[in-house]
Amino acid sequence: MPRIRCHYTDCVFVDDGYCSAAAVEIDPDTGCTTYSPIDDANKDEDWEEEQEEEWEEEADDDDDNWLEEDEEEY
């Protein structure tokens, strides 16, 4: 059975860069019609929000450190 190399990164059928679907249909005009996006899009948004909160906390900590260093100089 031939292996089909796939360049989609968010398809449920992609397994280590190869398509794992039982049957694949390719349309010359639109591409792979078997493509099915992963439904974990909301998880990506949650991750971004968590990262943003962590960055804000780190920025606040950095601001506090600068204030402490300035006070020590005087």
C-alpha atoms as a PDB file:
ATOM      1  CA  MET A   1       0.000   0.000   0.000  1.00  0.00           C
ATOM      2  CA  PRO A   2       1.484   3.388  -0.942  1.00  0.00           C
ATOM      3  CA  ARG A   3       2.090   6.010   1.714  1.00  0.00           C
ATOM      4  CA  ILE A   4       0.862   9.516   1.051  1.00  0.00           C
ATOM      5  CA  ARG A   5       2.991  12.374   2.365  1.00  0.00           C
ATOM      6  CA  CYS A   6       0.739  15.115   3.760  1.00  0.00           C
ATOM      7  CA  HIS A   7       1.653  18.752   4.378  1.00  0.00           C
ATOM      8  CA  TYR A   8      -1.412  19.569   6.486  1.00  0.00           C
ATOM      9  CA  THR A   9      -0.465  20.009  10.132  1.00  0.00           C
ATOM     10  CA  ASP A  10      -3.979  20.182  11.556  1.00  0.00           C
ATOM     11  CA  CYS A  11      -5.658  17.181   9.903  1.00  0.00           C
ATOM     12  CA  VAL A  12      -6.965  14.331  12.045  1.00  0.00           C
ATOM     13  CA  PHE A  13      -5.547  11.801   9.565  1.00  0.00           C
ATOM     14  CA  VAL A  14      -1.935  13.027   9.640  1.00  0.00           C
ATOM     15  CA  ASP A  15       0.393  10.663  11.465  1.00  0.00           C
ATOM     16  CA  ASP A  16       4.100  11.589  11.457  1.00  0.00           C
ATOM     17  CA  GLY A  17       3.692  13.485   8.183  1.00  0.00           C
ATOM     18  CA  TYR A  18       1.798  10.741   6.376  1.00  0.00           C
ATOM     19  CA  CYS A  19      -1.932  10.330   5.779  1.00  0.00           C
ATOM     20  CA  SER A  20      -3.496   7.507   7.782  1.00  0.00           C
ATOM     21  CA  ALA A  21      -6.974   7.678   6.212  1.00  0.00           C
ATOM     22  CA  ALA A  22      -8.308   4.392   4.803  1.00  0.00           C
ATOM     23  CA  ALA A  23      -9.230   6.118   1.541  1.00  0.00           C
ATOM     24  CA  VAL A  24      -8.014   9.426   0.158  1.00  0.00           C
ATOM     25  CA  GLU A  25      -9.739  11.537  -2.469  1.00  0.00           C
ATOM     26  CA  ILE A  26      -7.827  14.271  -4.244  1.00  0.00           C
ATOM     27  CA  ASP A  27      -9.496  16.979  -6.318  1.00  0.00           C
ATOM     28  CA  PRO A  28      -7.066  18.628  -8.759  1.00  0.00           C
ATOM     29  CA  ASP A  29      -8.639  22.039  -8.177  1.00  0.00           C
ATOM     30  CA  THR A  30      -9.210  22.058  -4.414  1.00  0.00           C
ATOM     31  CA  GLY A  31      -6.716  19.508  -3.106  1.00  0.00           C
ATOM     32  CA  CYS A  32      -7.441  16.791  -0.568  1.00  0.00           C
ATOM     33  CA  THR A  33     -11.161  16.304   0.028  1.00  0.00           C
ATOM     34  CA  THR A  34     -10.435  13.810   2.816  1.00  0.00           C
ATOM     35  CA  TYR A  35      -8.890  16.606   4.908  1.00  0.00           C
ATOM     36  CA  SER A  36     -10.633  17.000   8.252  1.00  0.00           C
ATOM     37  CA  PRO A  37      -9.324  19.659  10.671  1.00  0.00           C
ATOM     38  CA  ILE A  38      -8.679  18.817  14.309  1.00  0.00           C
ATOM     39  CA  ASP A  39     -11.392  20.158  16.631  1.00  0.00           C
ATOM     40  CA  ASP A  40      -8.839  21.243  19.255  1.00  0.00           C
ATOM     41  CA  ALA A  41      -8.847  24.853  18.027  1.00  0.00           C
ATOM     42  CA  ASN A  42     -10.256  26.014  21.373  1.00  0.00           C
ATOM     43  CA  LYS A  43      -7.339  24.419  23.222  1.00  0.00           C
ATOM     44  CA  ASP A  44      -4.938  26.590  21.230  1.00  0.00           C
ATOM     45  CA  GLU A  45      -6.851  29.708  22.260  1.00  0.00           C
ATOM     46  CA  ASP A  46      -6.750  28.637  25.924  1.00  0.00           C
ATOM     47  CA  TRP A  47      -3.016  28.063  25.671  1.00  0.00           C
ATOM     48  CA  GLU A  48      -2.503  31.535  24.216  1.00  0.00           C
ATOM     49  CA  GLU A  49      -4.494  33.093  27.056  1.00  0.00           C
ATOM     50  CA  GLU A  50      -2.460  31.175  29.638  1.00  0.00           C
ATOM     51  CA  GLN A  51       0.805  32.272  28.007  1.00  0.00           C
ATOM     52  CA  GLU A  52      -0.364  35.871  27.909  1.00  0.00           C
ATOM     53  CA  GLU A  53      -1.190  35.782  31.636  1.00  0.00           C
ATOM     54  CA  GLU A  54       2.231  34.304  32.439  1.00  0.00           C
ATOM     55  CA  TRP A  55       3.968  36.990  30.391  1.00  0.00           C
ATOM     56  CA  GLU A  56       2.040  39.712  32.198  1.00  0.00           C
ATOM     57  CA  GLU A  57       3.021  38.234  35.574  1.00  0.00           C
ATOM     58  CA  GLU A  58       6.677  38.067  34.521  1.00  0.00           C
ATOM     59  CA  ALA A  59       6.531  41.665  33.315  1.00  0.00           C
ATOM     60  CA  ASP A  60       5.102  42.743  36.668  1.00  0.00           C
ATOM     61  CA  ASP A  61       7.893  40.898  38.478  1.00  0.00           C
ATOM     62  CA  ASP A  62      10.495  42.575  36.284  1.00  0.00           C
ATOM     63  CA  ASP A  63       9.007  45.983  37.067  1.00  0.00           C
ATOM     64  CA  ASP A  64       9.226  45.235  40.792  1.00  0.00           C
ATOM     65  CA  ASN A  65      12.858  44.158  40.456  1.00  0.00           C
ATOM     66  CA  TRP A  66      13.749  47.412  38.728  1.00  0.00           C
ATOM     67  CA  LEU A  67      12.123  49.393  41.521  1.00  0.00           C
ATOM     68  CA  GLU A  68      14.078  47.486  44.160  1.00  0.00           C
ATOM     69  CA  GLU A  69      17.354  48.049  42.331  1.00  0.00           C
ATOM     70  CA  ASP A  70      16.654  51.777  42.033  1.00  0.00           C
ATOM     71  CA  GLU A  71      15.943  52.045  45.754  1.00  0.00           C
ATOM     72  CA  GLU A  72      19.197  50.278  46.623  1.00  0.00           C
ATOM     73  CA  GLU A  73      21.229  52.794  44.615  1.00  0.00           C
ATOM     74  CA  TYR A  74      20.061  55.755  46.675  1.00  0.00           C
END
